[in-house]
N, C-alpha and C. Protein backbone atom coordinates (compact mmCIF):
# COMPACT_ATOMS: atom_id res chain seq x y z
N MET A 1 33.07 21.14 -8.35
CA MET A 1 32.40 20.76 -6.90
C MET A 1 30.79 20.71 -7.35
N ARG A 2 30.88 21.86 -8.44
CA ARG A 2 29.41 21.60 -8.80
C ARG A 2 28.77 20.40 -9.49
N LYS A 3 29.73 20.07 -10.60
CA LYS A 3 29.17 18.97 -11.63
C LYS A 3 28.80 17.97 -10.83
N PRO A 4 29.52 17.54 -10.35
CA PRO A 4 28.80 16.28 -8.86
C PRO A 4 27.87 16.34 -8.47
N LEU A 5 27.61 17.55 -7.63
CA LEU A 5 26.35 17.87 -6.95
C LEU A 5 25.01 18.03 -8.51
N ILE A 6 25.38 18.57 -9.71
CA ILE A 6 24.28 18.59 -10.89
C ILE A 6 24.30 17.48 -11.17
N VAL A 7 25.10 16.40 -11.33
CA VAL A 7 25.32 14.93 -11.95
C VAL A 7 23.78 14.24 -10.77
N GLY A 8 24.54 14.37 -9.21
CA GLY A 8 23.32 13.91 -7.93
C GLY A 8 21.97 14.02 -8.24
N ALA A 9 21.96 15.38 -8.55
CA ALA A 9 20.62 15.99 -8.51
C ALA A 9 19.91 15.27 -9.50
N LEU A 10 20.16 15.13 -10.71
CA LEU A 10 19.62 14.81 -12.11
C LEU A 10 19.24 13.31 -11.79
N ALA A 11 20.30 12.43 -10.93
CA ALA A 11 20.09 11.30 -10.45
C ALA A 11 19.17 10.95 -9.82
N LEU A 12 18.85 11.77 -9.05
CA LEU A 12 17.81 11.67 -7.43
C LEU A 12 16.58 12.07 -8.43
N ALA A 13 16.33 12.93 -9.36
CA ALA A 13 15.15 13.26 -10.03
C ALA A 13 14.37 12.22 -10.65
N LEU A 14 15.77 11.21 -11.99
CA LEU A 14 15.66 10.33 -12.27
C LEU A 14 14.67 9.41 -12.08
N ILE A 15 15.03 8.69 -10.40
CA ILE A 15 14.95 7.49 -9.90
C ILE A 15 14.00 8.20 -9.07
N ALA A 16 13.51 9.02 -8.55
CA ALA A 16 12.48 9.48 -7.62
C ALA A 16 11.42 8.79 -8.38
N PRO A 17 10.76 9.17 -9.79
CA PRO A 17 9.45 9.18 -10.63
C PRO A 17 9.56 7.85 -11.31
N ALA A 18 11.03 7.17 -10.98
CA ALA A 18 10.81 5.46 -11.25
C ALA A 18 10.09 4.51 -10.13
N ARG A 19 10.86 5.44 -9.10
CA ARG A 19 10.74 4.38 -7.88
C ARG A 19 8.80 4.66 -7.68
N ALA A 20 8.23 5.71 -7.32
CA ALA A 20 6.86 5.66 -7.79
C ALA A 20 6.30 4.83 -8.67
N ALA A 21 6.71 4.79 -9.81
CA ALA A 21 5.95 3.84 -10.70
C ALA A 21 6.22 2.80 -10.52
N ASP A 22 6.84 2.54 -9.68
CA ASP A 22 7.12 0.70 -9.28
C ASP A 22 6.20 0.24 -7.84
N VAL A 23 5.55 1.31 -7.75
CA VAL A 23 4.51 0.40 -6.61
C VAL A 23 3.15 0.76 -6.95
N ASP A 24 2.37 -0.17 -7.02
CA ASP A 24 0.55 -0.12 -7.34
C ASP A 24 -0.56 -0.39 -5.68
N TRP A 25 -0.54 0.19 -5.20
CA TRP A 25 -1.18 0.10 -4.17
C TRP A 25 -2.42 0.17 -4.33
N LYS A 26 -2.79 -1.07 -3.92
CA LYS A 26 -4.24 -1.36 -3.96
C LYS A 26 -5.38 -1.28 -2.81
N MET A 27 -6.31 -0.62 -2.14
CA MET A 27 -7.00 -0.67 -1.28
C MET A 27 -7.49 -1.80 -1.19
N TYR A 28 -7.47 -3.08 -0.15
CA TYR A 28 -8.31 -3.10 0.44
C TYR A 28 -9.02 -3.52 1.95
N GLY A 29 -9.23 -2.12 2.50
CA GLY A 29 -10.17 -2.24 3.66
C GLY A 29 -9.85 -1.00 4.38
N THR A 30 -10.46 -0.83 5.86
CA THR A 30 -10.11 -0.20 6.84
C THR A 30 -10.40 -0.89 8.02
N ALA A 31 -9.94 0.41 8.77
CA ALA A 31 -9.98 -0.63 10.46
C ALA A 31 -10.31 0.66 11.54
N SER A 32 -10.92 0.91 12.45
CA SER A 32 -10.63 1.78 12.93
C SER A 32 -10.22 1.87 14.31
N ILE A 33 -8.65 1.38 14.36
CA ILE A 33 -7.39 1.34 15.43
C ILE A 33 -6.88 3.18 15.04
N ASP A 34 -6.41 3.78 16.04
CA ASP A 34 -5.66 4.54 16.15
C ASP A 34 -6.62 5.91 15.43
N GLY A 35 -7.42 6.22 14.85
CA GLY A 35 -8.39 7.37 14.87
C GLY A 35 -8.92 6.63 13.17
N GLY A 36 -8.57 5.68 12.56
CA GLY A 36 -8.72 5.21 11.60
C GLY A 36 -7.59 4.81 10.86
N VAL A 37 -7.37 4.08 10.12
CA VAL A 37 -6.53 3.61 9.13
C VAL A 37 -7.25 3.01 7.85
N VAL A 38 -6.27 2.89 6.37
CA VAL A 38 -6.58 2.55 5.47
C VAL A 38 -5.77 1.51 4.91
N CYS A 39 -5.78 0.35 4.75
CA CYS A 39 -4.97 -0.49 4.20
C CYS A 39 -4.78 -0.85 2.46
N PHE A 40 -3.65 -1.01 2.11
CA PHE A 40 -3.34 -1.80 1.14
C PHE A 40 -2.46 -2.87 0.84
N TYR A 41 -2.68 -3.50 -0.16
CA TYR A 41 -1.95 -4.08 -1.02
C TYR A 41 -1.10 -4.03 -2.16
N GLU A 42 0.08 -4.70 -2.16
CA GLU A 42 1.15 -4.10 -3.36
C GLU A 42 1.16 -4.73 -4.81
N GLY A 43 0.04 -4.22 -5.84
CA GLY A 43 -0.17 -5.24 -6.57
C GLY A 43 0.87 -5.02 -7.58
N ASN A 44 2.27 -4.41 -7.53
CA ASN A 44 3.08 -5.10 -8.48
C ASN A 44 3.91 -6.42 -7.93
N GLY A 45 3.79 -6.37 -6.56
CA GLY A 45 4.90 -6.62 -5.73
C GLY A 45 4.29 -8.80 -5.54
N VAL A 46 3.11 -8.95 -5.81
CA VAL A 46 2.70 -10.31 -5.68
C VAL A 46 2.90 -10.76 -6.18
N VAL A 47 3.71 -12.03 -5.29
CA VAL A 47 4.84 -13.00 -5.87
C VAL A 47 4.10 -14.80 -5.02
N ALA A 48 4.07 -15.33 -6.40
CA ALA A 48 3.50 -16.70 -6.06
C ALA A 48 4.25 -18.17 -6.22
N PRO A 49 4.89 -18.39 -5.18
CA PRO A 49 6.38 -19.64 -4.80
C PRO A 49 5.84 -20.58 -4.49
N ALA A 50 4.69 -20.67 -5.11
CA ALA A 50 3.83 -22.21 -5.25
C ALA A 50 2.98 -21.88 -5.95
N SER A 51 2.27 -23.60 -6.69
CA SER A 51 0.94 -22.64 -7.71
C SER A 51 -0.38 -22.38 -6.58
N SER A 52 -0.77 -23.03 -5.19
CA SER A 52 -1.90 -22.24 -4.80
C SER A 52 -1.48 -21.33 -3.53
N THR A 53 0.03 -20.85 -3.56
CA THR A 53 0.27 -19.89 -2.24
C THR A 53 0.53 -18.32 -3.38
N LEU A 54 0.55 -17.41 -2.26
CA LEU A 54 0.74 -16.16 -2.89
C LEU A 54 1.33 -15.05 -1.57
N ARG A 55 2.78 -14.60 -1.90
CA ARG A 55 2.51 -13.66 -0.67
C ARG A 55 2.91 -12.47 -1.28
N VAL A 56 2.40 -11.78 -0.34
CA VAL A 56 1.97 -9.53 -0.67
C VAL A 56 2.23 -8.80 0.43
N TRP A 57 3.18 -7.64 0.34
CA TRP A 57 2.89 -7.16 0.99
C TRP A 57 2.19 -5.61 1.43
N THR A 58 1.59 -5.78 2.49
CA THR A 58 0.52 -4.62 2.63
C THR A 58 1.02 -3.57 3.51
N LYS A 59 0.42 -2.68 3.44
CA LYS A 59 0.73 -1.33 4.38
C LYS A 59 -0.71 -0.46 5.16
N CYS A 60 -0.86 0.08 5.93
CA CYS A 60 -1.56 0.94 6.46
C CYS A 60 -1.49 2.14 6.67
N LEU A 61 -2.24 2.69 6.23
CA LEU A 61 -2.19 4.74 6.83
C LEU A 61 -2.59 5.09 7.24
N LEU A 62 -2.11 5.97 8.03
CA LEU A 62 -3.13 6.73 9.03
C LEU A 62 -3.95 7.52 8.90
N GLN A 63 -5.80 7.43 8.48
CA GLN A 63 -6.67 8.57 7.42
C GLN A 63 -6.65 9.97 7.68
N LYS A 64 -5.97 9.86 8.89
CA LYS A 64 -5.90 11.34 9.35
C LYS A 64 -5.28 11.95 7.87
N ASP A 65 -3.56 10.94 7.73
CA ASP A 65 -2.91 11.44 6.92
C ASP A 65 -3.05 11.61 5.71
N LEU A 66 -4.33 10.73 5.16
CA LEU A 66 -4.31 10.48 3.66
C LEU A 66 -5.27 11.78 3.39
N ASP A 67 -6.39 12.10 4.19
CA ASP A 67 -7.20 12.79 4.12
C ASP A 67 -6.29 14.55 4.81
N SER A 68 -5.00 14.95 4.79
CA SER A 68 -4.76 15.79 4.98
C SER A 68 -3.70 16.40 4.20
N ILE A 69 -3.63 15.44 2.53
CA ILE A 69 -3.13 15.97 1.40
C ILE A 69 -3.64 17.27 1.09
N ASP A 70 -2.72 17.66 0.76
CA ASP A 70 -3.02 19.76 0.04
C ASP A 70 -3.14 19.05 -1.09
N PHE A 71 -4.25 19.39 -1.91
CA PHE A 71 -4.26 18.60 -3.55
C PHE A 71 -3.82 20.48 -4.19
N GLU A 72 -3.34 21.35 -3.91
CA GLU A 72 -3.15 22.24 -4.05
C GLU A 72 -2.08 22.25 -4.45
N SER A 73 -1.37 21.44 -3.38
CA SER A 73 0.59 21.34 -3.87
C SER A 73 1.12 20.83 -5.01
N GLU A 74 2.28 20.87 -5.15
CA GLU A 74 2.77 19.47 -5.79
C GLU A 74 2.28 18.75 -5.91
N ILE A 75 2.51 17.58 -4.69
CA ILE A 75 2.45 16.31 -4.73
C ILE A 75 0.68 16.02 -5.16
N GLY A 76 -0.44 17.01 -4.55
CA GLY A 76 -1.41 16.60 -4.39
C GLY A 76 -1.65 17.00 -5.79
N LYS A 77 -1.29 17.71 -6.84
CA LYS A 77 -1.46 17.98 -8.15
C LYS A 77 -1.09 16.49 -8.89
N LYS A 78 -0.03 15.74 -8.88
CA LYS A 78 0.36 14.37 -9.23
C LYS A 78 -0.79 13.74 -9.04
N ILE A 79 -0.85 13.87 -7.51
CA ILE A 79 -2.24 12.65 -7.18
C ILE A 79 -3.27 12.19 -7.73
N VAL A 80 -3.85 13.87 -8.00
CA VAL A 80 -5.06 14.31 -8.65
C VAL A 80 -4.85 13.73 -10.89
N ASP A 81 -3.82 14.10 -10.69
CA ASP A 81 -3.72 13.46 -12.07
C ASP A 81 -3.95 12.42 -12.43
N SER A 82 -2.47 11.66 -11.55
CA SER A 82 -2.77 10.31 -11.60
C SER A 82 -4.57 9.73 -11.66
N GLY A 83 -5.09 10.17 -10.75
CA GLY A 83 -6.08 9.63 -10.67
C GLY A 83 -7.25 10.11 -11.75
N ALA A 84 -7.03 10.96 -12.04
CA ALA A 84 -8.13 11.49 -13.57
C ALA A 84 -7.53 10.13 -14.27
N GLN A 85 -5.95 10.16 -14.56
CA GLN A 85 -5.77 9.68 -15.82
C GLN A 85 -6.48 7.49 -16.23
N LYS A 86 -6.64 7.39 -14.51
CA LYS A 86 -6.78 6.13 -14.63
C LYS A 86 -8.50 5.82 -14.19
N VAL A 87 -8.97 7.00 -13.90
CA VAL A 87 -10.26 7.06 -14.31
C VAL A 87 -10.70 7.09 -15.67
N THR A 88 -10.02 8.38 -16.23
CA THR A 88 -10.59 8.17 -17.75
C THR A 88 -10.12 6.78 -18.56
N LYS A 89 -8.81 6.07 -18.13
CA LYS A 89 -8.90 4.92 -18.82
C LYS A 89 -9.79 3.70 -18.51
N GLY A 90 -10.83 3.99 -17.58
CA GLY A 90 -11.73 3.17 -17.00
C GLY A 90 -11.55 2.29 -16.13
N TYR A 91 -10.42 2.42 -14.94
CA TYR A 91 -9.99 2.00 -14.13
C TYR A 91 -10.62 1.41 -13.28
N ILE A 92 -11.48 0.25 -12.50
CA ILE A 92 -12.06 0.26 -11.40
C ILE A 92 -11.28 -0.42 -9.93
N PRO A 93 -10.94 -0.11 -9.08
CA PRO A 93 -10.75 -0.32 -8.06
C PRO A 93 -10.99 -1.63 -7.59
N PRO A 94 -9.98 -3.10 -7.47
CA PRO A 94 -10.67 -4.10 -7.10
C PRO A 94 -11.02 -4.08 -6.14
N ILE A 95 -11.32 -3.25 -4.99
CA ILE A 95 -12.33 -3.28 -3.67
C ILE A 95 -13.59 -3.02 -4.23
N ALA A 96 -13.65 -2.59 -5.10
CA ALA A 96 -15.13 -2.27 -5.73
C ALA A 96 -15.99 -3.44 -6.55
N LEU A 97 -15.10 -4.18 -6.54
CA LEU A 97 -15.18 -5.26 -6.97
C LEU A 97 -15.82 -6.61 -5.89
N VAL A 98 -15.67 -6.05 -5.18
CA VAL A 98 -16.07 -7.19 -3.69
C VAL A 98 -17.01 -6.23 -2.49
N GLU A 99 -17.14 -4.89 -2.56
CA GLU A 99 -17.79 -3.93 -1.76
C GLU A 99 -18.67 -3.29 -2.55
N ASP A 100 -20.06 -2.86 -2.38
CA ASP A 100 -20.99 -2.00 -2.64
C ASP A 100 -20.36 -0.40 -2.35
N MET A 101 -20.08 0.35 -3.50
CA MET A 101 -19.83 1.23 -4.06
C MET A 101 -20.41 2.42 -4.70
N ASP A 102 -20.44 3.53 -4.76
CA ASP A 102 -21.03 4.36 -5.82
C ASP A 102 -19.82 4.83 -6.41
N TYR A 103 -19.59 6.20 -7.60
CA TYR A 103 -19.15 6.18 -8.42
C TYR A 103 -18.15 7.27 -7.90
N ASP A 104 -18.68 8.16 -6.48
CA ASP A 104 -18.06 8.94 -5.44
C ASP A 104 -16.78 8.30 -4.82
N GLN A 105 -17.74 7.15 -4.19
CA GLN A 105 -17.17 6.24 -3.49
C GLN A 105 -15.85 5.83 -3.87
N ALA A 106 -15.68 5.18 -5.11
CA ALA A 106 -14.45 4.86 -5.72
C ALA A 106 -13.43 5.65 -5.90
N ILE A 107 -14.12 6.77 -6.62
CA ILE A 107 -12.81 8.14 -7.08
C ILE A 107 -12.34 8.67 -5.91
N GLY A 108 -12.93 7.98 -4.44
CA GLY A 108 -12.12 8.19 -3.22
C GLY A 108 -11.43 7.41 -3.05
N VAL A 109 -11.56 5.78 -3.03
CA VAL A 109 -10.34 4.92 -3.09
C VAL A 109 -9.53 5.11 -4.18
N ILE A 110 -9.63 5.67 -5.60
CA ILE A 110 -8.74 5.97 -6.34
C ILE A 110 -7.59 7.35 -5.56
N GLN A 111 -8.38 8.06 -5.09
CA GLN A 111 -7.83 9.11 -4.65
C GLN A 111 -6.80 8.66 -3.42
N TYR A 112 -7.04 7.26 -2.81
CA TYR A 112 -6.22 7.09 -1.26
C TYR A 112 -5.16 6.39 -2.07
N GLU A 113 -5.47 5.66 -3.39
CA GLU A 113 -4.29 4.59 -3.92
C GLU A 113 -3.58 5.71 -4.61
N GLU A 114 -3.37 6.68 -4.93
CA GLU A 114 -2.67 7.48 -5.60
C GLU A 114 -1.93 8.40 -4.93
N THR A 115 -2.00 8.26 -3.34
CA THR A 115 -1.97 9.16 -2.33
C THR A 115 -0.45 8.14 -1.82
N ALA A 116 -1.61 6.62 -1.71
CA ALA A 116 -0.55 5.75 -1.24
C ALA A 116 0.81 5.15 -2.40
N ASN A 117 0.34 5.68 -3.53
CA ASN A 117 1.45 5.65 -4.40
C ASN A 117 2.44 6.71 -4.52
N LEU A 118 2.31 7.90 -4.57
CA LEU A 118 3.26 8.74 -4.78
C LEU A 118 3.45 9.80 -3.71
N SER A 119 2.74 9.38 -2.55
CA SER A 119 3.28 10.92 -1.49
C SER A 119 4.38 10.10 -0.66
N ASN A 120 4.86 10.06 0.08
CA ASN A 120 5.57 10.06 1.27
C ASN A 120 5.02 9.25 2.66
N ILE A 121 3.97 9.56 2.95
CA ILE A 121 3.27 9.42 4.38
C ILE A 121 3.46 7.93 4.79
N GLN A 122 4.40 8.05 6.06
CA GLN A 122 4.75 6.80 6.75
C GLN A 122 3.83 6.28 6.99
N PRO A 123 3.71 4.92 6.96
CA PRO A 123 2.75 3.76 7.32
C PRO A 123 2.36 3.34 8.48
N HIS A 124 1.72 3.52 9.36
CA HIS A 124 1.38 3.26 10.37
C HIS A 124 1.61 1.70 10.87
N ALA A 125 1.29 0.70 9.81
CA ALA A 125 1.75 -0.56 9.71
C ALA A 125 1.97 -1.05 8.43
N ARG A 126 2.85 -2.13 8.31
CA ARG A 126 3.33 -2.92 7.16
C ARG A 126 3.47 -4.45 7.49
N PHE A 127 2.98 -5.28 6.71
CA PHE A 127 2.52 -6.64 7.00
C PHE A 127 2.80 -7.43 5.41
N PHE A 128 3.54 -8.59 6.25
CA PHE A 128 3.98 -9.30 4.30
C PHE A 128 3.34 -10.89 4.64
N TYR A 129 2.06 -10.84 4.31
CA TYR A 129 1.66 -12.42 4.35
C TYR A 129 1.38 -13.42 3.31
N GLU A 130 1.46 -14.65 3.66
CA GLU A 130 1.40 -15.49 2.92
C GLU A 130 -0.08 -16.13 2.53
N LEU A 131 -0.19 -16.57 1.24
CA LEU A 131 -1.78 -16.98 1.13
C LEU A 131 -1.56 -18.19 0.80
N ASN A 132 -2.77 -19.19 1.11
CA ASN A 132 -2.62 -20.32 0.53
C ASN A 132 -4.00 -20.38 -0.07
N CYS A 133 -4.01 -20.32 -1.03
CA CYS A 133 -5.36 -20.63 -1.54
C CYS A 133 -6.44 -21.25 -1.47
N SER A 134 -5.81 -22.54 -2.03
CA SER A 134 -6.26 -24.22 -1.76
C SER A 134 -6.50 -24.47 -0.35
N GLU A 135 -5.98 -24.35 0.91
CA GLU A 135 -6.26 -24.23 2.12
C GLU A 135 -7.12 -23.29 2.60
N ARG A 136 -7.62 -21.76 1.74
CA ARG A 136 -7.91 -20.91 2.82
C ARG A 136 -7.49 -20.17 4.08
N MET A 137 -6.13 -20.51 3.89
CA MET A 137 -5.36 -20.13 4.94
C MET A 137 -4.47 -18.92 4.59
N MET A 138 -4.24 -17.91 5.94
CA MET A 138 -2.78 -17.09 5.98
C MET A 138 -2.26 -16.87 7.06
N ARG A 139 -1.05 -16.31 7.19
CA ARG A 139 -0.02 -16.53 8.00
C ARG A 139 0.53 -15.07 7.62
N ARG A 140 1.32 -14.92 8.20
CA ARG A 140 1.61 -12.84 8.79
C ARG A 140 3.59 -13.95 8.79
N LEU A 141 4.10 -13.12 7.16
CA LEU A 141 5.53 -13.61 7.76
C LEU A 141 6.45 -12.43 8.23
N SER A 142 5.99 -11.12 8.30
CA SER A 142 6.15 -10.11 8.44
C SER A 142 5.85 -8.72 9.79
N THR A 143 5.80 -8.05 10.67
CA THR A 143 5.11 -7.51 11.13
C THR A 143 5.79 -5.78 11.27
N TYR A 144 5.26 -4.57 10.94
CA TYR A 144 5.82 -3.68 11.68
C TYR A 144 5.09 -2.79 12.15
N VAL A 145 4.43 -2.38 13.11
CA VAL A 145 3.69 -1.56 13.50
C VAL A 145 4.39 -0.19 14.28
N SER A 146 3.70 0.81 14.68
CA SER A 146 3.69 2.21 15.22
C SER A 146 2.69 2.50 15.85
N GLY A 147 3.38 3.25 16.64
CA GLY A 147 2.07 3.94 17.69
C GLY A 147 2.86 4.49 18.71
N LYS A 148 2.18 5.97 19.46
CA LYS A 148 2.57 6.63 20.06
C LYS A 148 3.93 6.47 20.71
N GLY A 149 4.59 6.95 19.80
CA GLY A 149 6.18 7.56 19.28
C GLY A 149 7.13 5.87 19.91
N ARG A 150 6.25 4.65 19.58
CA ARG A 150 6.70 3.42 19.96
C ARG A 150 6.68 2.52 17.96
N SER A 151 7.53 1.54 18.08
CA SER A 151 7.42 0.49 16.73
C SER A 151 7.59 -0.57 17.08
N ARG A 152 7.56 -1.40 16.61
CA ARG A 152 7.23 -3.23 16.55
C ARG A 152 7.40 -3.59 15.52
N THR A 153 8.37 -4.54 15.72
CA THR A 153 9.04 -5.33 13.98
C THR A 153 8.57 -7.06 15.23
N GLY A 154 8.31 -7.80 14.05
CA GLY A 154 8.14 -9.14 13.74
C GLY A 154 8.47 -10.15 12.62
N ARG A 155 9.30 -10.80 12.90
CA ARG A 155 9.20 -11.64 11.55
C ARG A 155 9.67 -13.14 11.54
N LEU A 156 8.92 -14.44 10.75
CA LEU A 156 9.08 -15.52 11.01
C LEU A 156 10.38 -16.25 10.03
N ALA A 157 11.10 -16.49 10.53
CA ALA A 157 11.87 -17.48 9.82
C ALA A 157 12.18 -18.90 9.22
N GLY A 158 12.26 -18.98 8.12
CA GLY A 158 11.53 -20.49 7.96
C GLY A 158 10.79 -21.13 8.17
N GLY A 159 9.84 -20.62 8.28
CA GLY A 159 8.53 -21.89 8.81
C GLY A 159 8.53 -21.83 10.19
N GLU A 160 9.13 -20.91 11.44
CA GLU A 160 9.24 -21.67 12.79
C GLU A 160 7.87 -20.65 13.46
N GLY A 161 7.30 -21.45 14.30
CA GLY A 161 6.26 -20.77 15.07
C GLY A 161 5.03 -20.75 13.34
N LEU A 162 4.60 -21.31 12.85
CA LEU A 162 3.76 -20.91 12.44
C LEU A 162 2.49 -20.87 12.97
N GLN A 163 2.53 -22.24 13.33
CA GLN A 163 0.95 -22.43 14.50
C GLN A 163 -0.02 -21.04 14.93
N GLY A 164 1.06 -20.26 15.61
CA GLY A 164 0.38 -19.00 16.27
C GLY A 164 0.10 -18.04 15.29
N SER A 165 0.78 -18.12 13.99
CA SER A 165 0.68 -16.97 12.86
C SER A 165 -0.43 -17.45 11.95
N ARG A 166 -1.06 -18.69 11.61
CA ARG A 166 -2.10 -18.87 11.05
C ARG A 166 -3.34 -18.41 10.98
N TYR A 167 -4.28 -18.14 10.07
CA TYR A 167 -5.46 -17.61 10.06
C TYR A 167 -6.33 -18.73 9.23
N GLN A 168 -7.34 -18.80 9.73
CA GLN A 168 -8.62 -19.42 8.42
C GLN A 168 -9.03 -18.89 7.84
N TRP A 169 -9.59 -18.27 6.70
CA TRP A 169 -10.26 -17.35 6.07
C TRP A 169 -11.59 -17.37 6.42
N ARG A 170 -12.37 -16.34 6.53
CA ARG A 170 -13.97 -16.56 6.77
C ARG A 170 -14.69 -16.21 5.04
């Protein structure tokens, strides 16, 4: 009885770090809804189904959840260590290439990105977008939003209903 439990625990221990390493959430913005959210896109999951089209998953985490991480906890120490490794390797968050920010702000972005990568904070919202670069258009293919004890989901199937979900880039 103990042997299967030990094997199962070992398998979980090996899978969990691999799962965390499979994602690379990059901060792309904030919004002042529900006390503030910070939004990320999944850098490793960007897919190009056509030459000028990209598909990408995004998620928005509540600011208060990101700010409540205890950096003395085990996960907090992992976040700090991972962020420090990125800084020493010269990592620059993509948002810093389009937004003016100083060194301290960039460190804060890296902290948020690593928190999104490594913590188990539940997203306030998740979206799956398709970006048409040549037409400068985007559409939302999937939506999940939670709040006030409820959640809403939606999905486009086979391109139906696209007129209501297309947005012109500004």
